[in-house]
Structures are given as structure tokens and as C-alpha cells.
C-alpha atoms as a PDB file:
ATOM      1  CA  MET A   1      -0.026  -0.003   0.004  1.00  0.00           C
ATOM      2  CA  ASP A   2       1.367   3.424  -0.923  1.00  0.00           C
ATOM      3  CA  GLY A   3      -0.328   5.281   1.912  1.00  0.00           C
ATOM      4  CA  SER A   4      -2.344   7.551  -0.373  1.00  0.00           C
ATOM      5  CA  THR A   5      -6.022   8.239   0.247  1.00  0.00           C
ATOM      6  CA  GLY A   6      -8.675   7.341  -2.217  1.00  0.00           C
ATOM      7  CA  GLU A   7      -9.266  11.073  -2.946  1.00  0.00           C
ATOM      8  CA  GLU A   8      -5.564  11.635  -3.731  1.00  0.00           C
ATOM      9  CA  THR A   9      -5.548   8.619  -6.088  1.00  0.00           C
ATOM     10  CA  TYR A  10      -8.746   9.825  -7.794  1.00  0.00           C
ATOM     11  CA  ARG A  11      -7.352  13.329  -8.176  1.00  0.00           C
ATOM     12  CA  THR A  12      -4.178  12.042  -9.818  1.00  0.00           C
ATOM     13  CA  ILE A  13      -6.080   9.773 -12.216  1.00  0.00           C
ATOM     14  CA  ALA A  14      -8.728  12.342 -13.072  1.00  0.00           C
ATOM     15  CA  LEU A  15      -6.336  15.167 -13.874  1.00  0.00           C
ATOM     16  CA  GLY A  16      -3.939  12.814 -15.608  1.00  0.00           C
ATOM     17  CA  PRO A  17      -0.491  13.833 -16.772  1.00  0.00           C
ATOM     18  CA  ASP A  18      -1.879  16.470 -19.128  1.00  0.00           C
ATOM     19  CA  ARG A  19      -3.398  19.627 -17.667  1.00  0.00           C
ATOM     20  CA  HIS A  20      -3.798  21.000 -21.177  1.00  0.00           C
ATOM     21  CA  ALA A  21      -7.155  19.235 -21.489  1.00  0.00           C
ATOM     22  CA  LEU A  22      -8.392  20.926 -18.330  1.00  0.00           C
ATOM     23  CA  LYS A  23      -7.153  24.285 -19.435  1.00  0.00           C
ATOM     24  CA  ALA A  24      -8.761  23.846 -22.872  1.00  0.00           C
ATOM     25  CA  ARG A  25     -12.148  22.826 -21.373  1.00  0.00           C
ATOM     26  CA  VAL A  26     -12.257  25.809 -18.999  1.00  0.00           C
ATOM     27  CA  ASN A  27     -11.061  28.238 -21.705  1.00  0.00           C
ATOM     28  CA  GLN A  28     -13.582  26.953 -24.222  1.00  0.00           C
ATOM     29  CA  ALA A  29     -16.367  27.348 -21.734  1.00  0.00           C
ATOM     30  CA  LEU A  30     -15.303  30.851 -20.753  1.00  0.00           C
ATOM     31  CA  SER A  31     -15.033  31.890 -24.399  1.00  0.00           C
ATOM     32  CA  THR A  32     -18.675  31.120 -25.124  1.00  0.00           C
ATOM     33  CA  CYS A  33     -19.942  33.709 -22.607  1.00  0.00           C
ATOM     34  CA  ASP A  34     -22.279  30.932 -21.320  1.00  0.00           C
ATOM     35  CA  THR A  35     -21.941  31.352 -17.563  1.00  0.00           C
ATOM     36  CA  ASP A  36     -23.600  28.056 -16.844  1.00  0.00           C
ATOM     37  CA  ASP A  37     -21.157  26.167 -19.050  1.00  0.00           C
ATOM     38  CA  ALA A  38     -18.199  28.109 -17.603  1.00  0.00           C
ATOM     39  CA  VAL A  39     -19.255  27.270 -14.039  1.00  0.00           C
ATOM     40  CA  ALA A  40     -19.823  23.639 -15.060  1.00  0.00           C
ATOM     41  CA  ALA A  41     -16.323  23.414 -16.560  1.00  0.00           C
ATOM     42  CA  ILE A  42     -14.732  24.842 -13.383  1.00  0.00           C
ATOM     43  CA  ARG A  43     -16.878  22.506 -11.271  1.00  0.00           C
ATOM     44  CA  GLU A  44     -15.576  19.510 -13.291  1.00  0.00           C
ATOM     45  CA  ALA A  45     -12.029  20.657 -12.697  1.00  0.00           C
ATOM     46  CA  VAL A  46     -12.664  21.132  -8.962  1.00  0.00           C
ATOM     47  CA  LEU A  47     -14.210  17.704  -8.641  1.00  0.00           C
ATOM     48  CA  ALA A  48     -11.257  16.178 -10.478  1.00  0.00           C
ATOM     49  CA  HIS A  49      -8.839  17.961  -8.193  1.00  0.00           C
ATOM     50  CA  GLY A  50     -10.765  17.015  -5.025  1.00  0.00           C
ATOM     51  CA  VAL A  51     -13.092  19.457  -3.321  1.00  0.00           C
ATOM     52  CA  THR A  52     -11.671  19.023   0.174  1.00  0.00           C
ATOM     53  CA  HIS A  53      -8.103  19.614  -0.999  1.00  0.00           C
ATOM     54  CA  LEU A  54      -9.095  22.549  -3.204  1.00  0.00           C
ATOM     55  CA  SER A  55     -11.186  24.242  -0.537  1.00  0.00           C
ATOM     56  CA  ARG A  56      -8.314  23.993   1.931  1.00  0.00           C
ATOM     57  CA  ASP A  57      -5.658  25.149  -0.524  1.00  0.00           C
ATOM     58  CA  ALA A  58      -7.820  28.070  -1.813  1.00  0.00           C
ATOM     59  CA  GLY A  59      -8.917  29.072   1.711  1.00  0.00           C
ATOM     60  CA  LEU A  60     -12.588  28.619   0.774  1.00  0.00           C
ATOM     61  CA  ASN A  61     -15.310  26.885   2.812  1.00  0.00           C
ATOM     62  CA  ARG A  62     -16.031  23.490   1.277  1.00  0.00           C
ATOM     63  CA  VAL A  63     -19.863  23.834   1.596  1.00  0.00           C
ATOM     64  CA  ASN A  64     -19.766  27.289   0.029  1.00  0.00           C
ATOM     65  CA  LEU A  65     -17.554  25.940  -2.793  1.00  0.00           C
ATOM     66  CA  TYR A  66     -20.226  23.320  -3.560  1.00  0.00           C
ATOM     67  CA  LYS A  67     -22.929  26.015  -3.502  1.00  0.00           C
ATOM     68  CA  MET A  68     -21.118  28.534  -5.711  1.00  0.00           C
ATOM     69  CA  LEU A  69     -20.273  25.876  -8.302  1.00  0.00           C
ATOM     70  CA  GLY A  70     -23.640  24.119  -8.128  1.00  0.00           C
ATOM     71  CA  GLU A  71     -26.683  24.673 -10.305  1.00  0.00           C
ATOM     72  CA  GLY A  72     -27.618  28.337 -10.183  1.00  0.00           C
ATOM     73  CA  GLY A  73     -24.306  29.177  -8.460  1.00  0.00           C
ATOM     74  CA  ASN A  74     -22.706  32.558  -9.190  1.00  0.00           C
ATOM     75  CA  PRO A  75     -19.134  32.524  -7.865  1.00  0.00           C
ATOM     76  CA  LYS A  76     -17.481  35.891  -7.199  1.00  0.00           C
ATOM     77  CA  VAL A  77     -14.395  36.825  -9.173  1.00  0.00           C
ATOM     78  CA  GLY A  78     -12.204  36.617  -6.053  1.00  0.00           C
ATOM     79  CA  ALA A  79     -13.262  33.014  -5.444  1.00  0.00           C
ATOM     80  CA  LEU A  80     -12.716  32.138  -9.064  1.00  0.00           C
ATOM     81  CA  VAL A  81      -9.170  33.525  -8.984  1.00  0.00           C
ATOM     82  CA  LYS A  82      -8.432  31.450  -5.851  1.00  0.00           C
ATOM     83  CA  ILE A  83      -9.941  28.305  -7.412  1.00  0.00           C
ATOM     84  CA  LEU A  84      -8.090  28.691 -10.694  1.00  0.00           C
ATOM     85  CA  ASP A  85      -4.822  29.435  -8.891  1.00  0.00           C
ATOM     86  CA  VAL A  86      -5.034  26.162  -7.034  1.00  0.00           C
ATOM     87  CA  LEU A  87      -5.770  24.421 -10.323  1.00  0.00           C
ATOM     88  CA  GLY A  88      -2.669  25.973 -11.868  1.00  0.00           C
ATOM     89  CA  LEU A  89      -4.721  28.313 -14.119  1.00  0.00           C
ATOM     90  CA  ARG A  90      -5.343  32.012 -14.292  1.00  0.00           C
ATOM     91  CA  ILE A  91      -7.732  34.416 -15.916  1.00  0.00           C
ATOM     92  CA  GLU A  92      -6.284  36.412 -18.826  1.00  0.00           C
ATOM     93  CA  LEU A  93      -8.036  39.075 -20.897  1.00  0.00           C
ATOM     94  CA  ALA A  94      -7.912  39.024 -24.670  1.00  0.00           C
ATOM     95  CA  PRO A  95      -9.711  41.009 -27.334  1.00  0.00           C
ATOM     96  CA  ALA A  96     -13.121  39.541 -28.044  1.00  0.00           C
ATOM     97  CA  ARG A  97     -14.093  38.538 -31.518  1.00  0.00           C
ATOM     98  CA  ARG A  98     -16.711  40.798 -32.904  1.00  0.00           C
ATOM     99  CA  ARG A  99     -20.120  39.326 -33.006  1.00  0.00           C
ATOM    100  CA  SER A 100     -22.231  39.646 -36.114  1.00  0.00           C
ATOM    101  CA  GLY A 101     -25.665  41.086 -35.933  1.00  0.00           C
ATOM    102  CA  PRO A 102     -27.269  43.872 -33.953  1.00  0.00           C
END
């Protein structure tokens, strides 16, 4: 036995060796301006990382983390920055593509 907990093992397997897929999923969701999809993508990443570990490392209450990333959740920017930092990601601004139509 290697002494790891089930959550640690799950976190390692879920994130895998390639964080690029995680980054791509979150970036794609954020680029659509669909807040529900963006929160869902971040929730997927948090679950893969392990909620208990992430809440501790980000300094966020675990129950509040579930609520803010749950259905109808609306996390504050400060919380998102902390979450993404623990996940090894950050928010960057880039020029938006112009939308056609009115």
C-alpha cells in the first residue's frame, strides 16, 4: 500500500498527466460567454482535483464551494481567482471577436 487516500488517487487519475485538456475545457467554456457552461467546466475541474483539497488550498469553505459551483451558483471573481490558482490556471483578458448582428 502506498499510503495515499482514495481522494488523492482519484485526483491524480482524473487530472492525468496532461493539464492541457483541463485548461482547454475551461477556456472553451469561458469563451462562449455561457456562464452556466463556464461554471460547469470549473466545477468539473474542482471535482477532479478534489473538493476538500481545493477548498483547503484556496482558503474557501467546502460547503460554500459546492454552492457557488452548483446549479444556479454565481461565484465571485475573487473566489474564481483562488480556485483557478489552485488548479494552476489564471484568468487572462484578450480582445473579443466581434459578433455579427445587432
